Amino acid sequence: MVIVMHDERHERAMSSRIYTIRQLTKEFSVTARTLRFYEDEKLIAPGRRGQTRLYSSRDRARIILILRGRRLGFSLAEIREVLDMYDGKDGEQAQMTHARKKFEERIQVLERQKLDIDQALRQLREGIRDIDAALEGKPRTPWPLFFEQENIQAVPSRPFAAKS
């Protein structure tokens, strides 16, 4: 059995860990430009040693939240609100309530998108079945009928007039 001891020295060492831009770009599969953009947007604030950016554990945690928020479709403004909530010393009730509301709204949007995606997948699978059946010589599918029913009127072509 392994017992993990958390003492103040371990906590300080973990919270004072420094990361380079290269380490973070590899860890999160993002470009250095992405991290500099988040810095420009004031979402992270790496320290500097000369021209070298030095990212703290706090910056790393914020990058995790930013990337998770982006994957879930949150805007940078919405991500900033969530990050500000985490920065609150006492986790202010109003900020947490606001963040909860944003999360609920995002869940609703994602649920709607999920329904749309499920429907699209069903339709595409049906299309593949119809195409496979047609390729195997089974009765015609509605696809040709669909295209045959369109009334496409061609624009009459006019010969080019010769210049005099």
N, C-alpha and C. Protein backbone atom coordinates (compact mmCIF):
# COMPACT_ATOMS: atom_id res chain seq x y z
N MET A 1 0.85 -1.18 0.00
CA MET A 1 0.00 0.00 0.00
C MET A 1 0.89 1.24 0.00
N VAL A 2 0.56 2.20 -0.85
CA VAL A 2 1.33 3.44 -0.95
C VAL A 2 0.54 4.55 -0.28
N ILE A 3 1.20 5.26 0.61
CA ILE A 3 0.58 6.41 1.27
C ILE A 3 1.24 7.66 0.73
N VAL A 4 0.41 8.56 0.23
CA VAL A 4 0.92 9.82 -0.31
C VAL A 4 0.77 10.88 0.77
N MET A 5 1.86 11.50 1.09
CA MET A 5 1.85 12.54 2.12
C MET A 5 1.88 13.90 1.43
N HIS A 6 0.97 14.76 1.80
CA HIS A 6 0.97 16.12 1.29
C HIS A 6 1.43 17.04 2.41
N ASP A 7 2.62 17.53 2.25
CA ASP A 7 3.07 18.51 3.23
C ASP A 7 3.21 19.86 2.55
N GLU A 8 3.49 20.86 3.33
CA GLU A 8 3.57 22.22 2.77
C GLU A 8 4.68 22.35 1.73
N ARG A 9 5.81 21.66 1.95
CA ARG A 9 6.90 21.74 0.97
C ARG A 9 6.47 21.17 -0.38
N HIS A 10 5.77 20.04 -0.35
CA HIS A 10 5.30 19.44 -1.60
C HIS A 10 4.31 20.37 -2.30
N GLU A 11 3.39 20.95 -1.54
CA GLU A 11 2.40 21.86 -2.12
C GLU A 11 3.08 23.08 -2.73
N ARG A 12 4.06 23.65 -2.01
CA ARG A 12 4.77 24.82 -2.54
C ARG A 12 5.55 24.46 -3.80
N ALA A 13 6.17 23.27 -3.80
CA ALA A 13 6.95 22.84 -4.97
C ALA A 13 6.04 22.69 -6.18
N MET A 14 4.87 22.10 -5.97
CA MET A 14 3.95 21.91 -7.08
C MET A 14 3.40 23.24 -7.58
N SER A 15 3.08 24.14 -6.66
CA SER A 15 2.50 25.41 -7.08
C SER A 15 3.55 26.37 -7.62
N SER A 16 4.82 26.11 -7.34
CA SER A 16 5.87 27.00 -7.85
C SER A 16 6.56 26.43 -9.07
N ARG A 17 6.06 25.35 -9.60
CA ARG A 17 6.66 24.75 -10.79
C ARG A 17 6.56 25.73 -11.96
N ILE A 18 7.61 25.78 -12.75
CA ILE A 18 7.68 26.68 -13.90
C ILE A 18 7.72 25.84 -15.17
N TYR A 19 6.97 26.30 -16.17
CA TYR A 19 6.90 25.61 -17.45
C TYR A 19 7.35 26.56 -18.56
N THR A 20 7.99 26.00 -19.57
CA THR A 20 8.35 26.80 -20.74
C THR A 20 7.22 26.71 -21.76
N ILE A 21 7.26 27.59 -22.71
CA ILE A 21 6.24 27.58 -23.76
C ILE A 21 6.32 26.27 -24.54
N ARG A 22 7.51 25.77 -24.74
CA ARG A 22 7.68 24.51 -25.46
C ARG A 22 7.05 23.34 -24.72
N GLN A 23 7.25 23.29 -23.39
CA GLN A 23 6.65 22.22 -22.60
C GLN A 23 5.12 22.24 -22.71
N LEU A 24 4.55 23.42 -22.62
CA LEU A 24 3.09 23.53 -22.64
C LEU A 24 2.52 23.28 -24.03
N THR A 25 3.23 23.72 -25.07
CA THR A 25 2.73 23.45 -26.43
C THR A 25 2.73 21.95 -26.70
N LYS A 26 3.73 21.23 -26.21
CA LYS A 26 3.78 19.78 -26.39
C LYS A 26 2.69 19.10 -25.56
N GLU A 27 2.57 19.51 -24.32
CA GLU A 27 1.59 18.88 -23.42
C GLU A 27 0.17 19.04 -23.93
N PHE A 28 -0.18 20.20 -24.44
CA PHE A 28 -1.56 20.49 -24.82
C PHE A 28 -1.80 20.46 -26.34
N SER A 29 -0.76 20.14 -27.10
CA SER A 29 -0.87 20.08 -28.57
C SER A 29 -1.45 21.38 -29.14
N VAL A 30 -0.89 22.49 -28.70
CA VAL A 30 -1.25 23.80 -29.22
C VAL A 30 0.02 24.48 -29.71
N THR A 31 -0.15 25.53 -30.47
CA THR A 31 1.01 26.26 -30.97
C THR A 31 1.44 27.33 -29.97
N ALA A 32 2.67 27.76 -30.11
CA ALA A 32 3.17 28.86 -29.28
C ALA A 32 2.34 30.11 -29.56
N ARG A 33 1.93 30.26 -30.80
CA ARG A 33 1.11 31.41 -31.18
C ARG A 33 -0.21 31.42 -30.39
N THR A 34 -0.79 30.23 -30.18
CA THR A 34 -2.02 30.12 -29.40
C THR A 34 -1.80 30.63 -27.98
N LEU A 35 -0.72 30.18 -27.36
CA LEU A 35 -0.44 30.61 -25.99
C LEU A 35 -0.16 32.11 -25.94
N ARG A 36 0.55 32.64 -26.93
CA ARG A 36 0.79 34.09 -26.96
C ARG A 36 -0.52 34.85 -27.16
N PHE A 37 -1.43 34.29 -27.96
CA PHE A 37 -2.74 34.91 -28.16
C PHE A 37 -3.49 34.98 -26.82
N TYR A 38 -3.50 33.87 -26.07
CA TYR A 38 -4.18 33.88 -24.77
C TYR A 38 -3.53 34.90 -23.83
N GLU A 39 -2.23 35.07 -23.96
CA GLU A 39 -1.54 36.09 -23.17
C GLU A 39 -1.99 37.49 -23.62
N ASP A 40 -2.05 37.73 -24.92
CA ASP A 40 -2.51 39.02 -25.44
C ASP A 40 -3.93 39.33 -24.98
N GLU A 41 -4.75 38.29 -24.86
CA GLU A 41 -6.14 38.45 -24.43
C GLU A 41 -6.26 38.55 -22.91
N LYS A 42 -5.12 38.54 -22.22
CA LYS A 42 -5.08 38.66 -20.75
C LYS A 42 -5.75 37.47 -20.04
N LEU A 43 -5.73 36.30 -20.69
CA LEU A 43 -6.28 35.10 -20.07
C LEU A 43 -5.23 34.38 -19.24
N ILE A 44 -3.97 34.55 -19.63
CA ILE A 44 -2.85 34.03 -18.86
C ILE A 44 -1.80 35.14 -18.75
N ALA A 45 -0.95 35.02 -17.76
CA ALA A 45 0.06 36.07 -17.55
C ALA A 45 1.40 35.44 -17.17
N PRO A 46 2.11 34.89 -18.16
CA PRO A 46 3.40 34.28 -17.83
C PRO A 46 4.42 35.32 -17.40
N GLY A 47 5.32 34.87 -16.55
CA GLY A 47 6.43 35.72 -16.16
C GLY A 47 7.45 35.73 -17.29
N ARG A 48 8.48 36.52 -17.10
CA ARG A 48 9.52 36.62 -18.13
C ARG A 48 10.90 36.53 -17.50
N ARG A 49 11.78 35.90 -18.23
CA ARG A 49 13.20 35.97 -17.91
C ARG A 49 13.86 36.36 -19.22
N GLY A 50 14.11 37.67 -19.36
CA GLY A 50 14.57 38.19 -20.64
C GLY A 50 13.43 38.08 -21.64
N GLN A 51 13.67 37.41 -22.75
CA GLN A 51 12.64 37.21 -23.77
C GLN A 51 11.85 35.91 -23.55
N THR A 52 12.29 35.10 -22.60
CA THR A 52 11.67 33.79 -22.38
C THR A 52 10.44 33.90 -21.49
N ARG A 53 9.34 33.33 -21.94
CA ARG A 53 8.12 33.28 -21.15
C ARG A 53 8.21 32.11 -20.19
N LEU A 54 7.84 32.37 -18.95
CA LEU A 54 7.84 31.32 -17.93
C LEU A 54 6.43 31.20 -17.36
N TYR A 55 5.84 30.04 -17.53
CA TYR A 55 4.45 29.82 -17.13
C TYR A 55 4.40 29.12 -15.78
N SER A 56 3.54 29.63 -14.92
CA SER A 56 3.38 29.06 -13.58
C SER A 56 2.35 27.94 -13.61
N SER A 57 2.20 27.24 -12.49
CA SER A 57 1.16 26.22 -12.35
C SER A 57 -0.21 26.85 -12.52
N ARG A 58 -0.36 28.08 -12.07
CA ARG A 58 -1.63 28.80 -12.22
C ARG A 58 -1.93 29.03 -13.71
N ASP A 59 -0.90 29.46 -14.47
CA ASP A 59 -1.07 29.65 -15.92
C ASP A 59 -1.46 28.32 -16.58
N ARG A 60 -0.80 27.25 -16.17
CA ARG A 60 -1.10 25.93 -16.74
C ARG A 60 -2.55 25.54 -16.45
N ALA A 61 -3.00 25.75 -15.24
CA ALA A 61 -4.39 25.43 -14.87
C ALA A 61 -5.36 26.27 -15.70
N ARG A 62 -5.02 27.53 -15.90
CA ARG A 62 -5.88 28.40 -16.71
C ARG A 62 -5.91 27.93 -18.16
N ILE A 63 -4.79 27.48 -18.69
CA ILE A 63 -4.74 26.97 -20.06
C ILE A 63 -5.66 25.75 -20.18
N ILE A 64 -5.63 24.88 -19.19
CA ILE A 64 -6.52 23.71 -19.19
C ILE A 64 -7.97 24.16 -19.27
N LEU A 65 -8.35 25.14 -18.46
CA LEU A 65 -9.73 25.63 -18.46
C LEU A 65 -10.08 26.31 -19.79
N ILE A 66 -9.14 27.06 -20.34
CA ILE A 66 -9.37 27.75 -21.63
C ILE A 66 -9.61 26.71 -22.73
N LEU A 67 -8.74 25.72 -22.80
CA LEU A 67 -8.87 24.71 -23.86
C LEU A 67 -10.14 23.88 -23.70
N ARG A 68 -10.49 23.56 -22.48
CA ARG A 68 -11.73 22.83 -22.23
C ARG A 68 -12.92 23.68 -22.65
N GLY A 69 -12.89 24.96 -22.29
CA GLY A 69 -13.97 25.86 -22.67
C GLY A 69 -14.10 25.99 -24.18
N ARG A 70 -12.98 26.08 -24.87
CA ARG A 70 -13.01 26.20 -26.34
C ARG A 70 -13.60 24.93 -26.95
N ARG A 71 -13.19 23.75 -26.43
CA ARG A 71 -13.73 22.49 -26.95
C ARG A 71 -15.23 22.40 -26.76
N LEU A 72 -15.73 23.01 -25.69
CA LEU A 72 -17.17 22.99 -25.41
C LEU A 72 -17.92 24.10 -26.13
N GLY A 73 -17.18 24.95 -26.84
CA GLY A 73 -17.83 25.98 -27.65
C GLY A 73 -18.03 27.31 -26.95
N PHE A 74 -17.41 27.51 -25.80
CA PHE A 74 -17.53 28.79 -25.12
C PHE A 74 -16.71 29.84 -25.85
N SER A 75 -17.19 31.07 -25.84
CA SER A 75 -16.42 32.18 -26.42
C SER A 75 -15.31 32.56 -25.44
N LEU A 76 -14.34 33.33 -25.92
CA LEU A 76 -13.28 33.78 -25.01
C LEU A 76 -13.84 34.67 -23.90
N ALA A 77 -14.86 35.46 -24.21
CA ALA A 77 -15.48 36.31 -23.19
C ALA A 77 -16.10 35.44 -22.09
N GLU A 78 -16.76 34.37 -22.49
CA GLU A 78 -17.38 33.48 -21.50
C GLU A 78 -16.31 32.76 -20.68
N ILE A 79 -15.23 32.36 -21.35
CA ILE A 79 -14.13 31.70 -20.64
C ILE A 79 -13.51 32.66 -19.64
N ARG A 80 -13.36 33.91 -20.04
CA ARG A 80 -12.81 34.93 -19.14
C ARG A 80 -13.66 35.04 -17.88
N GLU A 81 -14.99 35.02 -18.04
CA GLU A 81 -15.88 35.09 -16.89
C GLU A 81 -15.64 33.93 -15.93
N VAL A 82 -15.47 32.73 -16.49
CA VAL A 82 -15.23 31.55 -15.65
C VAL A 82 -13.89 31.68 -14.95
N LEU A 83 -12.87 32.12 -15.68
CA LEU A 83 -11.55 32.29 -15.08
C LEU A 83 -11.60 33.32 -13.95
N ASP A 84 -12.35 34.40 -14.17
CA ASP A 84 -12.49 35.42 -13.12
C ASP A 84 -13.15 34.83 -11.88
N MET A 85 -14.10 33.92 -12.10
CA MET A 85 -14.76 33.28 -10.97
C MET A 85 -13.75 32.48 -10.15
N TYR A 86 -12.87 31.76 -10.85
CA TYR A 86 -11.87 30.97 -10.14
C TYR A 86 -10.85 31.84 -9.41
N ASP A 87 -10.66 33.06 -9.91
CA ASP A 87 -9.73 33.97 -9.26
C ASP A 87 -10.30 34.59 -8.00
N GLY A 88 -11.62 34.59 -7.86
CA GLY A 88 -12.26 35.17 -6.68
C GLY A 88 -11.77 34.50 -5.42
N LYS A 89 -11.40 35.29 -4.46
CA LYS A 89 -10.83 34.75 -3.23
C LYS A 89 -11.84 33.89 -2.47
N ASP A 90 -13.07 34.35 -2.39
CA ASP A 90 -14.06 33.63 -1.60
C ASP A 90 -15.11 32.95 -2.48
N GLY A 91 -14.86 32.84 -3.78
CA GLY A 91 -15.79 32.18 -4.68
C GLY A 91 -17.15 32.85 -4.70
N GLU A 92 -17.17 34.14 -4.74
CA GLU A 92 -18.38 34.94 -4.64
C GLU A 92 -19.62 34.26 -5.21
N GLN A 93 -20.67 34.25 -4.42
CA GLN A 93 -21.93 33.60 -4.75
C GLN A 93 -22.47 34.06 -6.10
N ALA A 94 -22.48 35.34 -6.35
CA ALA A 94 -23.05 35.87 -7.60
C ALA A 94 -22.27 35.35 -8.81
N GLN A 95 -20.94 35.30 -8.71
CA GLN A 95 -20.13 34.81 -9.82
C GLN A 95 -20.39 33.33 -10.07
N MET A 96 -20.48 32.57 -8.99
CA MET A 96 -20.74 31.14 -9.16
C MET A 96 -22.13 30.90 -9.76
N THR A 97 -23.11 31.67 -9.34
CA THR A 97 -24.47 31.55 -9.88
C THR A 97 -24.46 31.89 -11.36
N HIS A 98 -23.74 32.94 -11.72
CA HIS A 98 -23.63 33.35 -13.12
C HIS A 98 -22.96 32.25 -13.95
N ALA A 99 -21.87 31.70 -13.44
CA ALA A 99 -21.15 30.65 -14.15
C ALA A 99 -22.05 29.43 -14.32
N ARG A 100 -22.80 29.09 -13.29
CA ARG A 100 -23.71 27.95 -13.36
C ARG A 100 -24.75 28.17 -14.46
N LYS A 101 -25.27 29.38 -14.54
CA LYS A 101 -26.26 29.71 -15.57
C LYS A 101 -25.64 29.55 -16.97
N LYS A 102 -24.41 30.03 -17.13
CA LYS A 102 -23.71 29.90 -18.42
C LYS A 102 -23.52 28.42 -18.78
N PHE A 103 -23.17 27.62 -17.79
CA PHE A 103 -22.97 26.19 -18.03
C PHE A 103 -24.29 25.55 -18.46
N GLU A 104 -25.38 25.90 -17.79
CA GLU A 104 -26.69 25.35 -18.16
C GLU A 104 -27.07 25.75 -19.58
N GLU A 105 -26.82 27.00 -19.94
CA GLU A 105 -27.12 27.46 -21.30
C GLU A 105 -26.31 26.68 -22.33
N ARG A 106 -25.06 26.46 -22.01
CA ARG A 106 -24.19 25.73 -22.94
C ARG A 106 -24.66 24.29 -23.08
N ILE A 107 -25.09 23.67 -21.99
CA ILE A 107 -25.61 22.31 -22.03
C ILE A 107 -26.80 22.25 -22.97
N GLN A 108 -27.70 23.23 -22.88
CA GLN A 108 -28.88 23.25 -23.75
C GLN A 108 -28.48 23.35 -25.22
N VAL A 109 -27.52 24.21 -25.52
CA VAL A 109 -27.05 24.36 -26.90
C VAL A 109 -26.45 23.04 -27.39
N LEU A 110 -25.62 22.42 -26.56
CA LEU A 110 -24.97 21.17 -26.96
C LEU A 110 -25.99 20.05 -27.13
N GLU A 111 -27.01 20.02 -26.28
CA GLU A 111 -28.07 19.01 -26.41
C GLU A 111 -28.81 19.17 -27.74
N ARG A 112 -29.10 20.42 -28.12
CA ARG A 112 -29.75 20.67 -29.41
C ARG A 112 -28.85 20.24 -30.56
N GLN A 113 -27.58 20.57 -30.46
CA GLN A 113 -26.63 20.18 -31.50
C GLN A 113 -26.52 18.67 -31.58
N LYS A 114 -26.56 18.01 -30.44
CA LYS A 114 -26.48 16.55 -30.41
C LYS A 114 -27.66 15.94 -31.15
N LEU A 115 -28.86 16.48 -30.93
CA LEU A 115 -30.04 15.99 -31.64
C LEU A 115 -29.88 16.18 -33.14
N ASP A 116 -29.40 17.36 -33.54
CA ASP A 116 -29.18 17.64 -34.96
C ASP A 116 -28.15 16.67 -35.56
N ILE A 117 -27.08 16.43 -34.83
CA ILE A 117 -26.03 15.52 -35.31
C ILE A 117 -26.58 14.10 -35.42
N ASP A 118 -27.33 13.65 -34.40
CA ASP A 118 -27.92 12.31 -34.45
C ASP A 118 -28.83 12.16 -35.65
N GLN A 119 -29.65 13.17 -35.93
CA GLN A 119 -30.55 13.13 -37.08
C GLN A 119 -29.74 13.09 -38.39
N ALA A 120 -28.73 13.91 -38.49
CA ALA A 120 -27.90 13.93 -39.69
C ALA A 120 -27.22 12.58 -39.90
N LEU A 121 -26.73 11.97 -38.82
CA LEU A 121 -26.09 10.66 -38.93
C LEU A 121 -27.07 9.59 -39.41
N ARG A 122 -28.30 9.63 -38.88
CA ARG A 122 -29.32 8.68 -39.33
C ARG A 122 -29.59 8.84 -40.83
N GLN A 123 -29.74 10.09 -41.27
CA GLN A 123 -30.02 10.35 -42.68
C GLN A 123 -28.86 9.91 -43.57
N LEU A 124 -27.66 10.16 -43.14
CA LEU A 124 -26.50 9.75 -43.93
C LEU A 124 -26.39 8.23 -44.00
N ARG A 125 -26.66 7.55 -42.89
CA ARG A 125 -26.61 6.08 -42.87
C ARG A 125 -27.69 5.50 -43.79
N GLU A 126 -28.88 6.11 -43.77
CA GLU A 126 -29.95 5.67 -44.68
C GLU A 126 -29.52 5.86 -46.14
N GLY A 127 -28.89 6.99 -46.42
CA GLY A 127 -28.38 7.24 -47.76
C GLY A 127 -27.37 6.21 -48.19
N ILE A 128 -26.48 5.82 -47.29
CA ILE A 128 -25.48 4.81 -47.60
C ILE A 128 -26.15 3.46 -47.87
N ARG A 129 -27.15 3.11 -47.06
CA ARG A 129 -27.88 1.85 -47.28
C ARG A 129 -28.55 1.86 -48.65
N ASP A 130 -29.19 2.99 -48.99
CA ASP A 130 -29.85 3.09 -50.30
C ASP A 130 -28.84 2.97 -51.44
N ILE A 131 -27.72 3.62 -51.31
CA ILE A 131 -26.68 3.56 -52.34
C ILE A 131 -26.13 2.15 -52.46
N ASP A 132 -25.85 1.50 -51.31
CA ASP A 132 -25.35 0.12 -51.35
C ASP A 132 -26.34 -0.80 -52.03
N ALA A 133 -27.63 -0.61 -51.71
CA ALA A 133 -28.67 -1.44 -52.33
C ALA A 133 -28.69 -1.22 -53.84
N ALA A 134 -28.58 0.01 -54.28
CA ALA A 134 -28.58 0.33 -55.70
C ALA A 134 -27.36 -0.28 -56.38
N LEU A 135 -26.23 -0.24 -55.72
CA LEU A 135 -25.01 -0.81 -56.29
C LEU A 135 -25.10 -2.32 -56.41
N GLU A 136 -25.89 -2.93 -55.54
CA GLU A 136 -26.07 -4.39 -55.59
C GLU A 136 -27.19 -4.79 -56.55
N GLY A 137 -27.77 -3.83 -57.28
CA GLY A 137 -28.78 -4.12 -58.27
C GLY A 137 -30.18 -4.25 -57.70
N LYS A 138 -30.38 -3.81 -56.50
CA LYS A 138 -31.71 -3.86 -55.89
C LYS A 138 -32.55 -2.73 -56.47
N PRO A 139 -33.85 -2.72 -56.18
CA PRO A 139 -34.72 -1.69 -56.76
C PRO A 139 -34.17 -0.28 -56.57
N ARG A 140 -34.58 0.55 -57.52
CA ARG A 140 -34.11 1.95 -57.52
C ARG A 140 -34.40 2.63 -56.20
N THR A 141 -33.51 3.52 -55.86
CA THR A 141 -33.68 4.31 -54.65
C THR A 141 -34.35 5.62 -55.01
N PRO A 142 -34.82 6.34 -54.02
CA PRO A 142 -35.44 7.63 -54.32
C PRO A 142 -34.46 8.69 -54.81
N TRP A 143 -33.16 8.43 -54.73
CA TRP A 143 -32.19 9.46 -55.13
C TRP A 143 -32.38 9.91 -56.57
N PRO A 144 -32.44 8.97 -57.55
CA PRO A 144 -32.62 9.43 -58.93
C PRO A 144 -33.96 10.13 -59.10
N LEU A 145 -34.99 9.65 -58.42
CA LEU A 145 -36.29 10.29 -58.52
C LEU A 145 -36.23 11.73 -58.02
N PHE A 146 -35.50 11.91 -56.96
CA PHE A 146 -35.36 13.24 -56.40
C PHE A 146 -34.79 14.20 -57.44
N PHE A 147 -33.74 13.74 -58.12
CA PHE A 147 -33.09 14.61 -59.09
C PHE A 147 -33.91 14.75 -60.36
N GLU A 148 -34.65 13.70 -60.72
CA GLU A 148 -35.48 13.76 -61.91
C GLU A 148 -36.63 14.74 -61.74
N GLN A 149 -37.10 14.92 -60.51
CA GLN A 149 -38.24 15.78 -60.26
C GLN A 149 -37.87 17.26 -60.31
N GLU A 150 -36.61 17.55 -60.25
CA GLU A 150 -36.22 18.95 -60.30
C GLU A 150 -36.45 19.50 -61.71
N ASN A 151 -37.02 20.64 -61.76
CA ASN A 151 -37.22 21.29 -63.07
C ASN A 151 -36.13 22.31 -63.27
N ILE A 152 -35.07 21.86 -63.87
CA ILE A 152 -33.94 22.75 -64.11
C ILE A 152 -34.08 23.28 -65.52
N GLN A 153 -34.20 24.56 -65.61
CA GLN A 153 -34.30 25.17 -66.93
C GLN A 153 -32.95 25.73 -67.30
N ALA A 154 -32.46 25.18 -68.39
CA ALA A 154 -31.15 25.63 -68.84
C ALA A 154 -31.29 27.00 -69.48
N VAL A 155 -30.31 27.82 -69.28
CA VAL A 155 -30.28 29.12 -69.92
C VAL A 155 -29.83 28.90 -71.35
N PRO A 156 -30.64 29.32 -72.33
CA PRO A 156 -30.24 29.08 -73.73
C PRO A 156 -28.89 29.73 -74.00
N SER A 157 -28.07 28.96 -74.71
CA SER A 157 -26.76 29.52 -75.02
C SER A 157 -26.87 30.36 -76.28
N ARG A 158 -26.14 31.44 -76.28
CA ARG A 158 -26.13 32.33 -77.44
C ARG A 158 -24.73 32.33 -78.01
N PRO A 159 -24.64 32.17 -79.28
CA PRO A 159 -23.28 32.22 -79.88
C PRO A 159 -22.70 33.62 -79.68
N PHE A 160 -21.39 33.62 -79.54
CA PHE A 160 -20.75 34.92 -79.38
C PHE A 160 -20.82 35.71 -80.67
N ALA A 161 -21.12 36.93 -80.56
CA ALA A 161 -21.19 37.81 -81.76
C ALA A 161 -19.77 38.16 -82.18
N ALA A 162 -19.54 38.07 -83.43
CA ALA A 162 -18.21 38.41 -83.93
C ALA A 162 -18.03 39.90 -83.88
N LYS A 163 -16.85 40.30 -83.47
CA LYS A 163 -16.55 41.74 -83.44
C LYS A 163 -16.20 42.20 -84.82
N SER A 164 -16.63 43.40 -85.13
CA SER A 164 -16.30 43.91 -86.47
C SER A 164 -15.07 44.77 -86.42
